[in-house]
Amino acid sequence: MGLGSSVARNITIGFIPEKSHVFLDNYFNSLPLLEHMRKEKLYATGTIRTDRIEKAPLKDLKKSPRGSIDVLRDQANDKSIYQWHDNSQVTMATNRNDVLIDTKSKCQRYSLSSKGKIDVPQPPIIAEYNNSMGGVDLFDQFRATHRITIRSKKWYWPIVRFFISGSIVNAWLLYRFLEQKIPQLEFIRRITIPILAVPIVPRIRMVTPHRNSNVLSEVRFDRRDHWPAKNPTQRRCAKCNKAVTHICTKCNVGLHIMCFQDYHTKS
């Protein structure tokens, strides 16, 4: 049992009444936790990471119609794993094997082909999870509804993307509370269109001319006692203008190691 599951076990068992139903997200949920909580007469349901389902042979529903469901049950240990195809594949595990799971329900989703909402089959346990999950999971769900798909190789971009999408979700929830209950996509349109309407003013870049080193030619090209040395602070290379940490001890100018010979050679 991992760290997340251990935390969930320690804060529930012995602190909540028997036959209570606990809802978890995929950070905390695991199959060993479900077994342990079942022995303690507690129900638990939650999304689960695919690397924690112990190689359960679930079907790949990515190419299946929306609403497709695959279920695996372990009757001996009172566990069930669900794979449901919504906008993406949703994997859920529970130790509640009762009539709620055996019944069928539907939810409404927007269809591009029909340009309207359609009924999509949905396991009732997922509907109950959606109605019972906490604020953190709701926040993640709202962010996932309209993800920022712009990619970047910069290490900090996922953090920036999280802050932008999180700010949009929080602003949308405040707008719904204070002004008008509108869909999230409509709110995104309302804040995006005015931003796009602002004319782009080109930035005027100040070009700093490259400063030639003030080393006398007689010294620079005399081919005597020019040695590279490490400098404690960065300087600009007198040849390529890049930031460097090496200097010529005689000329006292910053020099990239690869520029050292060219700088001291008269063209």
C-alpha atoms as a PDB file:
ATOM      1  CA  MET A   1       0.000   0.000   0.000  1.00  0.00           C
ATOM      2  CA  GLY A   2       1.493   3.328  -1.092  1.00  0.00           C
ATOM      3  CA  LEU A   3       1.747   6.632   0.733  1.00  0.00           C
ATOM      4  CA  GLY A   4      -1.560   8.026  -0.552  1.00  0.00           C
ATOM      5  CA  SER A   5      -3.500   4.877   0.355  1.00  0.00           C
ATOM      6  CA  SER A   6      -1.875   4.758   3.794  1.00  0.00           C
ATOM      7  CA  VAL A   7      -2.968   8.338   4.461  1.00  0.00           C
ATOM      8  CA  ALA A   8      -6.548   7.522   3.416  1.00  0.00           C
ATOM      9  CA  ARG A   9      -6.545   4.448   5.657  1.00  0.00           C
ATOM     10  CA  ASN A  10      -5.168   6.276   8.692  1.00  0.00           C
ATOM     11  CA  ILE A  11      -7.658   9.159   8.564  1.00  0.00           C
ATOM     12  CA  THR A  12     -10.755   7.003   7.994  1.00  0.00           C
ATOM     13  CA  ILE A  13     -10.478   3.712   9.855  1.00  0.00           C
ATOM     14  CA  GLY A  14     -11.460   4.199  13.479  1.00  0.00           C
ATOM     15  CA  PHE A  15     -12.716   7.742  12.914  1.00  0.00           C
ATOM     16  CA  ILE A  16     -15.891   7.324  10.846  1.00  0.00           C
ATOM     17  CA  PRO A  17     -18.911   5.052  11.489  1.00  0.00           C
ATOM     18  CA  GLU A  18     -19.146   1.590   9.962  1.00  0.00           C
ATOM     19  CA  LYS A  19     -20.867   1.289   6.552  1.00  0.00           C
ATOM     20  CA  SER A  20     -19.911   4.851   5.670  1.00  0.00           C
ATOM     21  CA  HIS A  21     -19.079   5.489   2.007  1.00  0.00           C
ATOM     22  CA  VAL A  22     -15.741   7.209   1.376  1.00  0.00           C
ATOM     23  CA  PHE A  23     -14.921   8.794  -2.001  1.00  0.00           C
ATOM     24  CA  LEU A  24     -11.285   9.066  -3.123  1.00  0.00           C
ATOM     25  CA  ASP A  25      -9.359  10.471  -6.055  1.00  0.00           C
ATOM     26  CA  ASN A  26      -6.700   8.541  -7.951  1.00  0.00           C
ATOM     27  CA  TYR A  27      -3.866   9.710  -5.698  1.00  0.00           C
ATOM     28  CA  PHE A  28      -5.297   7.826  -2.709  1.00  0.00           C
ATOM     29  CA  ASN A  29      -7.229   4.922  -4.225  1.00  0.00           C
ATOM     30  CA  SER A  30      -5.733   1.444  -4.627  1.00  0.00           C
ATOM     31  CA  LEU A  31      -6.975  -2.158  -4.630  1.00  0.00           C
ATOM     32  CA  PRO A  32      -5.257  -3.101  -1.325  1.00  0.00           C
ATOM     33  CA  LEU A  33      -6.938  -0.085   0.305  1.00  0.00           C
ATOM     34  CA  LEU A  34     -10.370  -1.219  -0.927  1.00  0.00           C
ATOM     35  CA  GLU A  35      -9.822  -4.690   0.522  1.00  0.00           C
ATOM     36  CA  HIS A  36      -8.633  -3.280   3.842  1.00  0.00           C
ATOM     37  CA  MET A  37     -11.557  -0.877   4.146  1.00  0.00           C
ATOM     38  CA  ARG A  38     -14.029  -3.630   3.271  1.00  0.00           C
ATOM     39  CA  LYS A  39     -12.704  -5.705   6.166  1.00  0.00           C
ATOM     40  CA  GLU A  40     -13.299  -2.681   8.389  1.00  0.00           C
ATOM     41  CA  LYS A  41     -16.919  -2.499   7.108  1.00  0.00           C
ATOM     42  CA  LEU A  42     -16.354   0.697   5.142  1.00  0.00           C
ATOM     43  CA  TYR A  43     -17.343   1.368   1.538  1.00  0.00           C
ATOM     44  CA  ALA A  44     -14.876   3.156  -0.722  1.00  0.00           C
ATOM     45  CA  THR A  45     -15.140   4.370  -4.310  1.00  0.00           C
ATOM     46  CA  GLY A  46     -12.787   6.436  -6.414  1.00  0.00           C
ATOM     47  CA  THR A  47     -10.897   6.953  -9.613  1.00  0.00           C
ATOM     48  CA  ILE A  48      -7.765   4.848  -9.832  1.00  0.00           C
ATOM     49  CA  ARG A  49      -4.550   5.034 -11.797  1.00  0.00           C
ATOM     50  CA  THR A  50      -4.079   2.342 -14.421  1.00  0.00           C
ATOM     51  CA  ASP A  51      -0.730   1.322 -12.917  1.00  0.00           C
ATOM     52  CA  ARG A  52      -2.544   0.368  -9.691  1.00  0.00           C
ATOM     53  CA  ILE A  53      -5.099  -2.075 -11.097  1.00  0.00           C
ATOM     54  CA  GLU A  54      -2.624  -4.976 -10.909  1.00  0.00           C
ATOM     55  CA  LYS A  55      -2.728  -5.778 -14.647  1.00  0.00           C
ATOM     56  CA  ALA A  56      -6.486  -6.306 -14.663  1.00  0.00           C
ATOM     57  CA  PRO A  57      -7.492  -7.272 -18.249  1.00  0.00           C
ATOM     58  CA  LEU A  58      -9.710  -4.283 -18.980  1.00  0.00           C
ATOM     59  CA  LYS A  59     -10.668  -3.520 -22.559  1.00  0.00           C
ATOM     60  CA  ASP A  60      -9.204  -0.527 -24.360  1.00  0.00           C
ATOM     61  CA  LEU A  61     -12.255   1.648 -25.024  1.00  0.00           C
ATOM     62  CA  LYS A  62     -10.501   4.562 -26.738  1.00  0.00           C
ATOM     63  CA  LYS A  63     -11.960   3.631 -30.131  1.00  0.00           C
ATOM     64  CA  SER A  64     -15.311   2.486 -28.730  1.00  0.00           C
ATOM     65  CA  PRO A  65     -18.455   4.661 -28.808  1.00  0.00           C
ATOM     66  CA  ARG A  66     -18.887   7.158 -26.015  1.00  0.00           C
ATOM     67  CA  GLY A  67     -20.595   5.529 -23.065  1.00  0.00           C
ATOM     68  CA  SER A  68     -18.958   2.119 -23.554  1.00  0.00           C
ATOM     69  CA  ILE A  69     -18.393   0.292 -20.266  1.00  0.00           C
ATOM     70  CA  ASP A  70     -16.171  -2.587 -19.206  1.00  0.00           C
ATOM     71  CA  VAL A  71     -16.437  -4.107 -15.727  1.00  0.00           C
ATOM     72  CA  LEU A  72     -14.239  -6.585 -13.863  1.00  0.00           C
ATOM     73  CA  ARG A  73     -15.313  -8.001 -10.516  1.00  0.00           C
ATOM     74  CA  ASP A  74     -13.523  -9.882  -7.779  1.00  0.00           C
ATOM     75  CA  GLN A  75     -16.381 -11.449  -5.856  1.00  0.00           C
ATOM     76  CA  ALA A  76     -14.050 -13.070  -3.327  1.00  0.00           C
ATOM     77  CA  ASN A  77     -12.647  -9.715  -2.192  1.00  0.00           C
ATOM     78  CA  ASP A  78     -15.682  -7.542  -3.020  1.00  0.00           C
ATOM     79  CA  LYS A  79     -13.921  -5.343  -5.564  1.00  0.00           C
ATOM     80  CA  SER A  80     -15.010  -3.975  -8.926  1.00  0.00           C
ATOM     81  CA  ILE A  81     -13.047  -2.056 -11.541  1.00  0.00           C
ATOM     82  CA  TYR A  82     -14.840   0.062 -14.136  1.00  0.00           C
ATOM     83  CA  GLN A  83     -13.586   1.377 -17.428  1.00  0.00           C
ATOM     84  CA  TRP A  84     -15.924   3.968 -18.923  1.00  0.00           C
ATOM     85  CA  HIS A  85     -15.410   5.914 -22.135  1.00  0.00           C
ATOM     86  CA  ASP A  86     -16.482   9.529 -21.733  1.00  0.00           C
ATOM     87  CA  ASN A  87     -14.408  12.342 -23.298  1.00  0.00           C
ATOM     88  CA  SER A  88     -11.502  10.137 -22.250  1.00  0.00           C
ATOM     89  CA  GLN A  89     -11.191   6.790 -20.517  1.00  0.00           C
ATOM     90  CA  VAL A  90     -12.258   6.888 -16.872  1.00  0.00           C
ATOM     91  CA  THR A  91     -11.051   4.086 -14.605  1.00  0.00           C
ATOM     92  CA  MET A  92     -12.759   3.624 -11.258  1.00  0.00           C
ATOM     93  CA  ALA A  93     -12.533   1.025  -8.491  1.00  0.00           C
ATOM     94  CA  THR A  94     -14.966   0.330  -5.652  1.00  0.00           C
ATOM     95  CA  ASN A  95     -15.636  -2.230  -2.945  1.00  0.00           C
ATOM     96  CA  ARG A  96     -19.367  -1.582  -3.060  1.00  0.00           C
ATOM     97  CA  ASN A  97     -20.923  -4.488  -4.948  1.00  0.00           C
ATOM     98  CA  ASP A  98     -24.644  -3.934  -4.514  1.00  0.00           C
ATOM     99  CA  VAL A  99     -27.707  -3.069  -6.569  1.00  0.00           C
ATOM    100  CA  LEU A 100     -26.423   0.468  -7.216  1.00  0.00           C
ATOM    101  CA  ILE A 101     -23.697  -0.923  -9.441  1.00  0.00           C
ATOM    102  CA  ASP A 102     -25.906  -3.420 -11.255  1.00  0.00           C
ATOM    103  CA  THR A 103     -28.414  -0.829 -12.436  1.00  0.00           C
ATOM    104  CA  LYS A 104     -27.893   1.389 -15.477  1.00  0.00           C
ATOM    105  CA  SER A 105     -28.131   5.151 -15.762  1.00  0.00           C
ATOM    106  CA  LYS A 106     -27.474   7.859 -18.324  1.00  0.00           C
ATOM    107  CA  CYS A 107     -25.869  11.271 -18.417  1.00  0.00           C
ATOM    108  CA  GLN A 108     -26.026  14.051 -20.974  1.00  0.00           C
ATOM    109  CA  ARG A 109     -23.065  15.027 -23.117  1.00  0.00           C
ATOM    110  CA  TYR A 110     -22.695  17.463 -25.999  1.00  0.00           C
ATOM    111  CA  SER A 111     -22.384  15.828 -29.429  1.00  0.00           C
ATOM    112  CA  LEU A 112     -20.630  17.609 -32.301  1.00  0.00           C
ATOM    113  CA  SER A 113     -22.388  15.481 -34.911  1.00  0.00           C
ATOM    114  CA  SER A 114     -25.904  16.206 -33.663  1.00  0.00           C
ATOM    115  CA  LYS A 115     -24.959  19.707 -32.385  1.00  0.00           C
ATOM    116  CA  GLY A 116     -26.788  19.144 -29.146  1.00  0.00           C
ATOM    117  CA  LYS A 117     -26.874  17.115 -25.974  1.00  0.00           C
ATOM    118  CA  ILE A 118     -27.381  13.374 -26.172  1.00  0.00           C
ATOM    119  CA  ASP A 119     -27.921  10.632 -23.589  1.00  0.00           C
ATOM    120  CA  VAL A 120     -24.794   8.600 -22.836  1.00  0.00           C
ATOM    121  CA  PRO A 121     -24.793   5.369 -20.760  1.00  0.00           C
ATOM    122  CA  GLN A 122     -23.034   5.855 -17.433  1.00  0.00           C
ATOM    123  CA  PRO A 123     -22.452   3.479 -14.505  1.00  0.00           C
ATOM    124  CA  PRO A 124     -24.481   4.753 -11.515  1.00  0.00           C
ATOM    125  CA  ILE A 125     -21.428   4.454  -9.270  1.00  0.00           C
ATOM    126  CA  ILE A 126     -19.724   7.118 -11.407  1.00  0.00           C
ATOM    127  CA  ALA A 127     -22.766   9.378 -11.142  1.00  0.00           C
ATOM    128  CA  GLU A 128     -22.708   8.990  -7.355  1.00  0.00           C
ATOM    129  CA  TYR A 129     -18.979   9.708  -7.298  1.00  0.00           C
ATOM    130  CA  ASN A 130     -19.503  12.907  -9.313  1.00  0.00           C
ATOM    131  CA  ASN A 131     -22.193  14.033  -6.862  1.00  0.00           C
ATOM    132  CA  SER A 132     -20.105  13.248  -3.787  1.00  0.00           C
ATOM    133  CA  MET A 133     -16.528  14.158  -4.672  1.00  0.00           C
ATOM    134  CA  GLY A 134     -14.858  17.086  -2.967  1.00  0.00           C
ATOM    135  CA  GLY A 135     -13.817  20.514  -4.162  1.00  0.00           C
ATOM    136  CA  VAL A 136     -10.316  19.532  -5.312  1.00  0.00           C
ATOM    137  CA  ASP A 137     -11.672  16.887  -7.659  1.00  0.00           C
ATOM    138  CA  LEU A 138     -14.347  19.268  -8.941  1.00  0.00           C
ATOM    139  CA  PHE A 139     -11.676  21.866  -9.613  1.00  0.00           C
ATOM    140  CA  ASP A 140      -9.625  19.310 -11.580  1.00  0.00           C
ATOM    141  CA  GLN A 141     -12.727  18.240 -13.483  1.00  0.00           C
ATOM    142  CA  PHE A 142     -13.579  21.817 -14.455  1.00  0.00           C
ATOM    143  CA  ARG A 143      -9.994  22.423 -15.610  1.00  0.00           C
ATOM    144  CA  ALA A 144     -10.035  19.240 -17.683  1.00  0.00           C
ATOM    145  CA  THR A 145     -13.259  20.238 -19.460  1.00  0.00           C
ATOM    146  CA  HIS A 146     -11.505  22.875 -21.583  1.00  0.00           C
ATOM    147  CA  ARG A 147      -7.776  22.223 -21.360  1.00  0.00           C
ATOM    148  CA  ILE A 148      -5.139  24.617 -22.661  1.00  0.00           C
ATOM    149  CA  THR A 149      -3.597  22.576 -25.470  1.00  0.00           C
ATOM    150  CA  ILE A 150      -0.697  24.895 -26.325  1.00  0.00           C
ATOM    151  CA  ARG A 151       2.545  22.975 -25.856  1.00  0.00           C
ATOM    152  CA  SER A 152       6.005  24.179 -24.997  1.00  0.00           C
ATOM    153  CA  LYS A 153       9.357  22.613 -24.180  1.00  0.00           C
ATOM    154  CA  LYS A 154       9.980  25.099 -21.389  1.00  0.00           C
ATOM    155  CA  TRP A 155      10.071  23.386 -17.983  1.00  0.00           C
ATOM    156  CA  TYR A 156       7.865  26.024 -16.398  1.00  0.00           C
ATOM    157  CA  TRP A 157       5.063  25.903 -18.986  1.00  0.00           C
ATOM    158  CA  PRO A 158       2.919  23.262 -17.164  1.00  0.00           C
ATOM    159  CA  ILE A 159       2.975  25.514 -14.081  1.00  0.00           C
ATOM    160  CA  VAL A 160       1.953  28.577 -16.123  1.00  0.00           C
ATOM    161  CA  ARG A 161      -0.761  26.561 -17.859  1.00  0.00           C
ATOM    162  CA  PHE A 162      -2.099  25.379 -14.488  1.00  0.00           C
ATOM    163  CA  PHE A 163      -2.259  28.948 -13.148  1.00  0.00           C
ATOM    164  CA  ILE A 164      -4.051  30.215 -16.266  1.00  0.00           C
ATOM    165  CA  SER A 165      -6.643  27.420 -16.353  1.00  0.00           C
ATOM    166  CA  GLY A 166      -7.103  27.596 -12.574  1.00  0.00           C
ATOM    167  CA  SER A 167      -7.683  31.356 -12.724  1.00  0.00           C
ATOM    168  CA  ILE A 168     -10.267  30.887 -15.476  1.00  0.00           C
ATOM    169  CA  VAL A 169     -12.144  28.241 -13.466  1.00  0.00           C
ATOM    170  CA  ASN A 170     -12.147  30.369 -10.300  1.00  0.00           C
ATOM    171  CA  ALA A 171     -13.301  33.453 -12.217  1.00  0.00           C
ATOM    172  CA  TRP A 172     -16.061  31.432 -13.892  1.00  0.00           C
ATOM    173  CA  LEU A 173     -17.325  30.100 -10.547  1.00  0.00           C
ATOM    174  CA  LEU A 174     -17.367  33.624  -9.088  1.00  0.00           C
ATOM    175  CA  TYR A 175     -19.219  34.918 -12.158  1.00  0.00           C
ATOM    176  CA  ARG A 176     -21.836  32.168 -11.807  1.00  0.00           C
ATOM    177  CA  PHE A 177     -22.276  33.014  -8.140  1.00  0.00           C
ATOM    178  CA  LEU A 178     -22.436  36.807  -8.526  1.00  0.00           C
ATOM    179  CA  GLU A 179     -23.808  37.431 -12.007  1.00  0.00           C
ATOM    180  CA  GLN A 180     -25.151  34.797 -14.369  1.00  0.00           C
ATOM    181  CA  LYS A 181     -25.045  31.006 -14.550  1.00  0.00           C
ATOM    182  CA  ILE A 182     -23.487  30.376 -17.944  1.00  0.00           C
ATOM    183  CA  PRO A 183     -21.489  27.401 -19.271  1.00  0.00           C
ATOM    184  CA  GLN A 184     -17.738  27.512 -18.843  1.00  0.00           C
ATOM    185  CA  LEU A 185     -17.141  27.608 -22.600  1.00  0.00           C
ATOM    186  CA  GLU A 186     -19.355  30.680 -22.963  1.00  0.00           C
ATOM    187  CA  PHE A 187     -17.463  32.393 -20.128  1.00  0.00           C
ATOM    188  CA  ILE A 188     -14.143  31.637 -21.840  1.00  0.00           C
ATOM    189  CA  ARG A 189     -15.493  33.191 -25.049  1.00  0.00           C
ATOM    190  CA  ARG A 190     -16.590  36.328 -23.190  1.00  0.00           C
ATOM    191  CA  ILE A 191     -13.164  36.930 -21.671  1.00  0.00           C
ATOM    192  CA  THR A 192     -11.201  35.912 -24.766  1.00  0.00           C
ATOM    193  CA  ILE A 193     -12.930  38.027 -27.431  1.00  0.00           C
ATOM    194  CA  PRO A 194     -12.133  41.420 -25.761  1.00  0.00           C
ATOM    195  CA  ILE A 195      -8.507  40.362 -25.327  1.00  0.00           C
ATOM    196  CA  LEU A 196      -8.229  39.422 -29.003  1.00  0.00           C
ATOM    197  CA  ALA A 197      -9.872  42.718 -29.996  1.00  0.00           C
ATOM    198  CA  VAL A 198      -7.083  44.794 -28.429  1.00  0.00           C
ATOM    199  CA  PRO A 199      -4.735  45.985 -31.209  1.00  0.00           C
ATOM    200  CA  ILE A 200      -1.219  44.659 -31.001  1.00  0.00           C
ATOM    201  CA  VAL A 201       1.342  47.439 -30.648  1.00  0.00           C
ATOM    202  CA  PRO A 202       4.742  46.269 -31.892  1.00  0.00           C
ATOM    203  CA  ARG A 203       7.512  46.621 -29.372  1.00  0.00           C
ATOM    204  CA  ILE A 204      10.384  48.883 -30.313  1.00  0.00           C
ATOM    205  CA  ARG A 205      13.560  47.011 -29.593  1.00  0.00           C
ATOM    206  CA  MET A 206      16.625  49.007 -28.735  1.00  0.00           C
ATOM    207  CA  VAL A 207      19.582  47.540 -30.538  1.00  0.00           C
ATOM    208  CA  THR A 208      22.809  47.917 -28.626  1.00  0.00           C
ATOM    209  CA  PRO A 209      25.752  48.113 -31.005  1.00  0.00           C
ATOM    210  CA  HIS A 210      28.469  45.562 -30.461  1.00  0.00           C
ATOM    211  CA  ARG A 211      31.360  47.125 -28.630  1.00  0.00           C
ATOM    212  CA  ASN A 212      34.745  46.252 -30.003  1.00  0.00           C
ATOM    213  CA  SER A 213      37.396  45.509 -27.451  1.00  0.00           C
ATOM    214  CA  ASN A 214      39.883  48.303 -26.844  1.00  0.00           C
ATOM    215  CA  VAL A 215      42.897  46.037 -27.064  1.00  0.00           C
ATOM    216  CA  LEU A 216      45.735  47.416 -29.162  1.00  0.00           C
ATOM    217  CA  SER A 217      46.409  45.417 -32.305  1.00  0.00           C
ATOM    218  CA  GLU A 218      50.082  45.200 -31.389  1.00  0.00           C
ATOM    219  CA  VAL A 219      49.152  43.383 -28.187  1.00  0.00           C
ATOM    220  CA  ARG A 220      46.236  41.362 -29.567  1.00  0.00           C
ATOM    221  CA  PHE A 221      48.127  39.816 -32.465  1.00  0.00           C
ATOM    222  CA  ASP A 222      51.648  39.525 -31.026  1.00  0.00           C
ATOM    223  CA  ARG A 223      51.175  35.755 -30.343  1.00  0.00           C
ATOM    224  CA  ARG A 224      52.919  35.991 -26.975  1.00  0.00           C
ATOM    225  CA  ASP A 225      51.670  34.945 -23.540  1.00  0.00           C
ATOM    226  CA  HIS A 226      47.950  34.841 -24.380  1.00  0.00           C
ATOM    227  CA  TRP A 227      46.461  32.356 -21.906  1.00  0.00           C
ATOM    228  CA  PRO A 228      42.836  31.537 -21.107  1.00  0.00           C
ATOM    229  CA  ALA A 229      41.827  31.734 -17.453  1.00  0.00           C
ATOM    230  CA  LYS A 230      38.658  31.230 -15.455  1.00  0.00           C
ATOM    231  CA  ASN A 231      36.934  34.445 -14.391  1.00  0.00           C
ATOM    232  CA  PRO A 232      34.807  34.573 -11.194  1.00  0.00           C
ATOM    233  CA  THR A 233      32.068  36.577 -12.951  1.00  0.00           C
ATOM    234  CA  GLN A 234      30.512  36.409 -16.390  1.00  0.00           C
ATOM    235  CA  ARG A 235      31.702  38.694 -19.164  1.00  0.00           C
ATOM    236  CA  ARG A 236      30.858  39.161 -22.821  1.00  0.00           C
ATOM    237  CA  CYS A 237      33.000  37.427 -25.397  1.00  0.00           C
ATOM    238  CA  ALA A 238      34.934  40.016 -27.403  1.00  0.00           C
ATOM    239  CA  LYS A 239      34.455  37.845 -30.501  1.00  0.00           C
ATOM    240  CA  CYS A 240      30.928  36.336 -30.439  1.00  0.00           C
ATOM    241  CA  ASN A 241      29.369  38.522 -27.695  1.00  0.00           C
ATOM    242  CA  LYS A 242      28.039  35.522 -25.748  1.00  0.00           C
ATOM    243  CA  ALA A 243      28.204  35.349 -21.965  1.00  0.00           C
ATOM    244  CA  VAL A 244      31.416  33.587 -20.954  1.00  0.00           C
ATOM    245  CA  THR A 245      33.395  32.844 -17.816  1.00  0.00           C
ATOM    246  CA  HIS A 246      36.852  32.789 -19.420  1.00  0.00           C
ATOM    247  CA  ILE A 247      39.193  35.672 -20.214  1.00  0.00           C
ATOM    248  CA  CYS A 248      42.486  36.225 -21.951  1.00  0.00           C
ATOM    249  CA  THR A 249      44.976  37.033 -19.201  1.00  0.00           C
ATOM    250  CA  LYS A 250      46.999  39.401 -21.403  1.00  0.00           C
ATOM    251  CA  CYS A 251      44.229  41.212 -23.297  1.00  0.00           C
ATOM    252  CA  ASN A 252      41.924  41.192 -20.247  1.00  0.00           C
ATOM    253  CA  VAL A 253      38.790  40.587 -22.335  1.00  0.00           C
ATOM    254  CA  GLY A 254      36.120  37.908 -22.077  1.00  0.00           C
ATOM    255  CA  LEU A 255      36.620  35.153 -24.624  1.00  0.00           C
ATOM    256  CA  HIS A 256      34.746  32.005 -25.480  1.00  0.00           C
ATOM    257  CA  ILE A 257      37.163  29.076 -25.612  1.00  0.00           C
ATOM    258  CA  MET A 258      36.141  28.332 -29.198  1.00  0.00           C
ATOM    259  CA  CYS A 259      36.761  31.986 -30.141  1.00  0.00           C
ATOM    260  CA  PHE A 260      40.177  32.220 -28.478  1.00  0.00           C
ATOM    261  CA  GLN A 261      42.272  31.380 -31.532  1.00  0.00           C
ATOM    262  CA  ASP A 262      40.163  33.386 -34.004  1.00  0.00           C
ATOM    263  CA  TYR A 263      40.313  36.475 -31.800  1.00  0.00           C
ATOM    264  CA  HIS A 264      44.101  36.433 -31.728  1.00  0.00           C
ATOM    265  CA  THR A 265      44.496  35.732 -35.453  1.00  0.00           C
ATOM    266  CA  LYS A 266      44.677  38.682 -37.833  1.00  0.00           C
ATOM    267  CA  SER A 267      42.340  38.142 -40.780  1.00  0.00           C
END
